[in-house]
Amino acid sequence: MRASRIVLWASSTYFECDSREGEADAIVKTAFAPVLNQHVKDGQIASWNWLRHVLGGKYRRILVVDGASHKAMLGYWNRLTRALGEAQPELMQRFGSVCSSHTDYVWDLSGS
């Protein structure tokens, strides 16, 4: 019998935010979290997390989203952006003014 291999992909978006990082955190908690939690419940993504660097670097906030394939992760970003814009357009715009730059990565977490 052959052991099955679990393949998981993750997308990490590193945000460069200005001195209002706390405001970005609050927007993620109040506006983004409900949308992301619903996407987990609907099976669009496996999980998500919002992380903060305590010290160092210009990219001090990170949104990590896990899914089943790199294709799914690449397609998900457009759906997420659209859903957030529809749910809370003013907060999405405000978040963009606080965190005006980002860098994206897609990771293979299968361990191979």
N, C-alpha and C. Protein backbone atom coordinates (compact mmCIF):
# COMPACT_ATOMS: atom_id res chain seq x y z
N MET A 1 0.85 -1.17 0.00
CA MET A 1 0.00 0.00 0.00
C MET A 1 0.90 1.24 0.00
N ARG A 2 0.54 2.18 -0.78
CA ARG A 2 1.28 3.42 -0.91
C ARG A 2 0.66 4.51 -0.03
N ALA A 3 1.47 5.21 0.70
CA ALA A 3 0.96 6.29 1.56
C ALA A 3 0.54 7.46 0.69
N SER A 4 -0.58 8.04 1.02
CA SER A 4 -1.03 9.21 0.26
C SER A 4 -0.23 10.43 0.71
N ARG A 5 0.01 11.30 -0.21
CA ARG A 5 0.78 12.52 0.07
C ARG A 5 -0.18 13.70 0.09
N ILE A 6 -0.12 14.47 1.13
CA ILE A 6 -0.95 15.66 1.22
C ILE A 6 -0.19 16.81 0.60
N VAL A 7 -0.82 17.45 -0.36
CA VAL A 7 -0.21 18.61 -1.00
C VAL A 7 -1.02 19.84 -0.60
N LEU A 8 -0.33 20.81 -0.07
CA LEU A 8 -0.99 22.05 0.33
C LEU A 8 -0.18 23.21 -0.23
N TRP A 9 -0.87 24.16 -0.72
CA TRP A 9 -0.24 25.36 -1.27
C TRP A 9 -0.66 26.54 -0.42
N ALA A 10 0.20 27.51 -0.36
CA ALA A 10 -0.10 28.72 0.41
C ALA A 10 0.28 29.94 -0.42
N SER A 11 -0.49 30.96 -0.25
CA SER A 11 -0.19 32.26 -0.84
C SER A 11 0.11 33.20 0.33
N SER A 12 1.25 33.86 0.26
CA SER A 12 1.55 34.85 1.30
C SER A 12 1.73 36.20 0.63
N THR A 13 1.02 37.17 1.14
CA THR A 13 1.10 38.53 0.64
C THR A 13 1.70 39.39 1.74
N TYR A 14 2.88 39.90 1.46
CA TYR A 14 3.62 40.74 2.40
C TYR A 14 3.27 42.20 2.11
N PHE A 15 2.70 42.88 3.10
CA PHE A 15 2.25 44.26 2.91
C PHE A 15 3.23 45.26 3.51
N GLU A 16 3.45 46.34 2.78
CA GLU A 16 4.21 47.47 3.28
C GLU A 16 3.18 48.52 3.70
N CYS A 17 3.10 48.76 5.00
CA CYS A 17 2.10 49.69 5.53
C CYS A 17 2.80 50.90 6.12
N ASP A 18 2.08 51.99 6.21
CA ASP A 18 2.65 53.18 6.82
C ASP A 18 2.48 53.11 8.33
N SER A 19 2.62 54.20 9.01
CA SER A 19 2.59 54.22 10.48
C SER A 19 1.22 53.86 11.06
N ARG A 20 0.22 53.70 10.20
CA ARG A 20 -1.13 53.35 10.67
C ARG A 20 -1.36 51.84 10.62
N GLU A 21 -0.33 51.04 10.87
CA GLU A 21 -0.44 49.58 10.81
C GLU A 21 -1.58 49.06 11.69
N GLY A 22 -1.77 49.66 12.84
CA GLY A 22 -2.85 49.25 13.75
C GLY A 22 -4.21 49.39 13.10
N GLU A 23 -4.36 50.41 12.26
CA GLU A 23 -5.63 50.58 11.55
C GLU A 23 -5.82 49.45 10.53
N ALA A 24 -4.74 49.06 9.87
CA ALA A 24 -4.82 47.93 8.94
C ALA A 24 -5.22 46.66 9.69
N ASP A 25 -4.65 46.44 10.86
CA ASP A 25 -5.01 45.28 11.68
C ASP A 25 -6.50 45.29 12.02
N ALA A 26 -7.01 46.45 12.39
CA ALA A 26 -8.43 46.56 12.75
C ALA A 26 -9.32 46.30 11.54
N ILE A 27 -8.93 46.76 10.37
CA ILE A 27 -9.71 46.52 9.15
C ILE A 27 -9.73 45.03 8.82
N VAL A 28 -8.59 44.38 8.96
CA VAL A 28 -8.54 42.93 8.71
C VAL A 28 -9.47 42.22 9.68
N LYS A 29 -9.42 42.59 10.95
CA LYS A 29 -10.25 41.93 11.96
C LYS A 29 -11.74 42.15 11.74
N THR A 30 -12.14 43.36 11.42
CA THR A 30 -13.57 43.66 11.33
C THR A 30 -14.18 43.45 9.95
N ALA A 31 -13.41 43.68 8.89
CA ALA A 31 -13.97 43.62 7.54
C ALA A 31 -13.50 42.40 6.75
N PHE A 32 -12.21 42.09 6.81
CA PHE A 32 -11.68 40.99 6.00
C PHE A 32 -11.98 39.63 6.63
N ALA A 33 -11.84 39.52 7.95
CA ALA A 33 -12.01 38.23 8.62
C ALA A 33 -13.34 37.55 8.32
N PRO A 34 -14.48 38.27 8.37
CA PRO A 34 -15.74 37.60 8.07
C PRO A 34 -15.78 37.02 6.65
N VAL A 35 -15.21 37.73 5.68
CA VAL A 35 -15.19 37.25 4.30
C VAL A 35 -14.28 36.03 4.19
N LEU A 36 -13.09 36.12 4.75
CA LEU A 36 -12.14 35.01 4.71
C LEU A 36 -12.69 33.79 5.45
N ASN A 37 -13.30 33.99 6.60
CA ASN A 37 -13.90 32.87 7.34
C ASN A 37 -15.00 32.19 6.54
N GLN A 38 -15.79 32.98 5.83
CA GLN A 38 -16.84 32.39 4.99
C GLN A 38 -16.22 31.58 3.85
N HIS A 39 -15.12 32.07 3.29
CA HIS A 39 -14.45 31.34 2.21
C HIS A 39 -13.87 30.01 2.71
N VAL A 40 -13.42 29.97 3.96
CA VAL A 40 -12.98 28.70 4.55
C VAL A 40 -14.18 27.78 4.69
N LYS A 41 -15.27 28.30 5.22
CA LYS A 41 -16.48 27.51 5.42
C LYS A 41 -17.01 26.96 4.10
N ASP A 42 -16.91 27.76 3.04
CA ASP A 42 -17.39 27.35 1.71
C ASP A 42 -16.41 26.43 0.98
N GLY A 43 -15.22 26.24 1.55
CA GLY A 43 -14.24 25.37 0.92
C GLY A 43 -13.42 26.02 -0.18
N GLN A 44 -13.50 27.34 -0.32
CA GLN A 44 -12.70 28.03 -1.33
C GLN A 44 -11.22 28.06 -0.95
N ILE A 45 -10.95 28.11 0.36
CA ILE A 45 -9.58 28.05 0.89
C ILE A 45 -9.58 27.12 2.09
N ALA A 46 -8.40 26.64 2.46
CA ALA A 46 -8.30 25.74 3.61
C ALA A 46 -8.21 26.52 4.92
N SER A 47 -7.46 27.61 4.92
CA SER A 47 -7.30 28.43 6.12
C SER A 47 -6.67 29.77 5.74
N TRP A 48 -6.60 30.66 6.70
CA TRP A 48 -5.95 31.95 6.48
C TRP A 48 -5.40 32.44 7.82
N ASN A 49 -4.47 33.38 7.72
CA ASN A 49 -3.90 33.97 8.92
C ASN A 49 -3.36 35.36 8.58
N TRP A 50 -3.46 36.26 9.51
CA TRP A 50 -2.90 37.62 9.40
C TRP A 50 -1.79 37.71 10.43
N LEU A 51 -0.57 37.98 9.97
CA LEU A 51 0.59 37.97 10.85
C LEU A 51 1.25 39.34 10.88
N ARG A 52 1.92 39.64 12.00
CA ARG A 52 2.62 40.91 12.17
C ARG A 52 4.06 40.66 12.54
N HIS A 53 4.98 41.32 11.87
CA HIS A 53 6.37 41.33 12.32
C HIS A 53 6.45 42.30 13.48
N VAL A 54 7.15 41.91 14.50
CA VAL A 54 7.33 42.78 15.65
C VAL A 54 8.50 43.73 15.41
N LEU A 55 9.52 43.25 14.69
CA LEU A 55 10.71 44.04 14.48
C LEU A 55 11.32 43.72 13.12
N GLY A 56 11.70 44.76 12.40
CA GLY A 56 12.48 44.57 11.18
C GLY A 56 11.70 44.63 9.89
N GLY A 57 12.37 45.11 8.87
CA GLY A 57 11.87 45.08 7.51
C GLY A 57 10.74 46.04 7.21
N LYS A 58 10.54 46.27 5.93
CA LYS A 58 9.47 47.17 5.52
C LYS A 58 8.14 46.45 5.32
N TYR A 59 8.19 45.13 5.12
CA TYR A 59 6.96 44.35 4.97
C TYR A 59 6.62 43.75 6.33
N ARG A 60 5.75 44.44 7.07
CA ARG A 60 5.52 44.08 8.46
C ARG A 60 4.17 43.42 8.70
N ARG A 61 3.36 43.27 7.66
CA ARG A 61 2.08 42.56 7.79
C ARG A 61 2.01 41.52 6.67
N ILE A 62 1.47 40.36 7.01
CA ILE A 62 1.41 39.26 6.05
C ILE A 62 0.04 38.60 6.12
N LEU A 63 -0.58 38.43 4.96
CA LEU A 63 -1.80 37.64 4.84
C LEU A 63 -1.40 36.31 4.21
N VAL A 64 -1.64 35.22 4.94
CA VAL A 64 -1.34 33.88 4.44
C VAL A 64 -2.66 33.15 4.21
N VAL A 65 -2.81 32.58 3.01
CA VAL A 65 -4.01 31.83 2.65
C VAL A 65 -3.57 30.48 2.12
N ASP A 66 -4.16 29.39 2.64
CA ASP A 66 -3.81 28.03 2.22
C ASP A 66 -4.91 27.45 1.33
N GLY A 67 -4.48 26.65 0.35
CA GLY A 67 -5.43 26.01 -0.55
C GLY A 67 -4.89 24.72 -1.13
N ALA A 68 -5.63 24.16 -2.07
CA ALA A 68 -5.34 22.83 -2.58
C ALA A 68 -4.34 22.78 -3.73
N SER A 69 -4.15 23.88 -4.45
CA SER A 69 -3.25 23.86 -5.59
C SER A 69 -2.74 25.28 -5.87
N HIS A 70 -1.65 25.35 -6.63
CA HIS A 70 -1.15 26.68 -6.97
C HIS A 70 -2.13 27.40 -7.87
N LYS A 71 -2.80 26.69 -8.74
CA LYS A 71 -3.79 27.31 -9.62
C LYS A 71 -4.94 27.89 -8.79
N ALA A 72 -5.37 27.13 -7.80
CA ALA A 72 -6.45 27.62 -6.93
C ALA A 72 -6.02 28.87 -6.18
N MET A 73 -4.78 28.87 -5.71
CA MET A 73 -4.30 30.03 -4.96
C MET A 73 -4.20 31.26 -5.85
N LEU A 74 -3.71 31.09 -7.07
CA LEU A 74 -3.59 32.23 -7.98
C LEU A 74 -4.97 32.79 -8.35
N GLY A 75 -5.93 31.93 -8.57
CA GLY A 75 -7.28 32.38 -8.90
C GLY A 75 -8.02 32.97 -7.72
N TYR A 76 -7.66 32.54 -6.53
CA TYR A 76 -8.37 33.00 -5.35
C TYR A 76 -8.18 34.48 -5.08
N TRP A 77 -7.01 35.01 -5.34
CA TRP A 77 -6.72 36.42 -5.02
C TRP A 77 -7.73 37.35 -5.68
N ASN A 78 -8.08 37.11 -6.95
CA ASN A 78 -9.07 37.95 -7.63
C ASN A 78 -10.44 37.83 -6.99
N ARG A 79 -10.83 36.61 -6.62
CA ARG A 79 -12.13 36.43 -5.96
C ARG A 79 -12.15 37.12 -4.60
N LEU A 80 -11.05 37.02 -3.87
CA LEU A 80 -10.99 37.66 -2.56
C LEU A 80 -11.08 39.17 -2.69
N THR A 81 -10.31 39.75 -3.58
CA THR A 81 -10.32 41.20 -3.77
C THR A 81 -11.72 41.68 -4.15
N ARG A 82 -12.37 40.96 -5.04
CA ARG A 82 -13.73 41.33 -5.45
C ARG A 82 -14.70 41.22 -4.27
N ALA A 83 -14.62 40.11 -3.51
CA ALA A 83 -15.53 39.92 -2.38
C ALA A 83 -15.32 40.98 -1.32
N LEU A 84 -14.08 41.33 -1.03
CA LEU A 84 -13.82 42.37 -0.03
C LEU A 84 -14.31 43.73 -0.51
N GLY A 85 -14.10 44.01 -1.79
CA GLY A 85 -14.57 45.28 -2.36
C GLY A 85 -16.08 45.40 -2.33
N GLU A 86 -16.77 44.28 -2.51
CA GLU A 86 -18.24 44.29 -2.47
C GLU A 86 -18.75 44.39 -1.04
N ALA A 87 -18.09 43.70 -0.10
CA ALA A 87 -18.57 43.67 1.28
C ALA A 87 -18.32 44.98 2.02
N GLN A 88 -17.15 45.56 1.83
CA GLN A 88 -16.76 46.76 2.57
C GLN A 88 -15.91 47.67 1.67
N PRO A 89 -16.48 48.27 0.65
CA PRO A 89 -15.67 49.04 -0.30
C PRO A 89 -14.88 50.18 0.34
N GLU A 90 -15.47 50.87 1.30
CA GLU A 90 -14.77 51.99 1.92
C GLU A 90 -13.59 51.51 2.77
N LEU A 91 -13.75 50.37 3.44
CA LEU A 91 -12.65 49.84 4.24
C LEU A 91 -11.57 49.21 3.36
N MET A 92 -11.96 48.63 2.24
CA MET A 92 -10.98 48.09 1.30
C MET A 92 -10.11 49.23 0.76
N GLN A 93 -10.75 50.35 0.44
CA GLN A 93 -10.01 51.52 -0.05
C GLN A 93 -9.12 52.08 1.06
N ARG A 94 -9.62 52.13 2.27
CA ARG A 94 -8.84 52.64 3.40
C ARG A 94 -7.63 51.75 3.66
N PHE A 95 -7.84 50.42 3.61
CA PHE A 95 -6.73 49.49 3.79
C PHE A 95 -5.64 49.74 2.75
N GLY A 96 -6.06 49.97 1.50
CA GLY A 96 -5.11 50.25 0.42
C GLY A 96 -4.33 51.53 0.64
N SER A 97 -4.93 52.49 1.33
CA SER A 97 -4.20 53.73 1.61
C SER A 97 -3.19 53.54 2.74
N VAL A 98 -3.48 52.64 3.67
CA VAL A 98 -2.57 52.36 4.78
C VAL A 98 -1.45 51.42 4.33
N CYS A 99 -1.83 50.38 3.61
CA CYS A 99 -0.87 49.38 3.12
C CYS A 99 -0.85 49.49 1.60
N SER A 100 -0.03 50.38 1.09
CA SER A 100 -0.10 50.76 -0.32
C SER A 100 0.75 49.90 -1.25
N SER A 101 1.56 49.01 -0.70
CA SER A 101 2.41 48.17 -1.53
C SER A 101 2.42 46.76 -0.96
N HIS A 102 2.55 45.77 -1.84
CA HIS A 102 2.65 44.39 -1.37
C HIS A 102 3.46 43.55 -2.35
N THR A 103 3.94 42.42 -1.85
CA THR A 103 4.64 41.43 -2.65
C THR A 103 4.00 40.08 -2.37
N ASP A 104 3.73 39.32 -3.44
CA ASP A 104 3.03 38.04 -3.32
C ASP A 104 3.96 36.87 -3.59
N TYR A 105 3.72 35.78 -2.87
CA TYR A 105 4.42 34.52 -3.08
C TYR A 105 3.41 33.39 -3.02
N VAL A 106 3.64 32.32 -3.80
CA VAL A 106 2.86 31.10 -3.70
C VAL A 106 3.85 30.00 -3.33
N TRP A 107 3.52 29.24 -2.28
CA TRP A 107 4.41 28.23 -1.71
C TRP A 107 3.86 26.84 -1.92
N ASP A 108 4.73 25.87 -2.18
CA ASP A 108 4.40 24.45 -2.18
C ASP A 108 4.78 23.93 -0.82
N LEU A 109 3.81 23.54 -0.01
CA LEU A 109 4.06 23.09 1.35
C LEU A 109 3.99 21.57 1.50
N SER A 110 4.14 20.86 0.39
CA SER A 110 4.01 19.41 0.41
C SER A 110 5.19 18.73 1.08
N GLY A 111 6.27 19.45 1.24
CA GLY A 111 7.44 18.89 1.88
C GLY A 111 8.32 18.07 0.95
N SER A 112 8.04 18.09 -0.33
CA SER A 112 8.88 17.32 -1.26
C SER A 112 9.79 18.21 -2.04
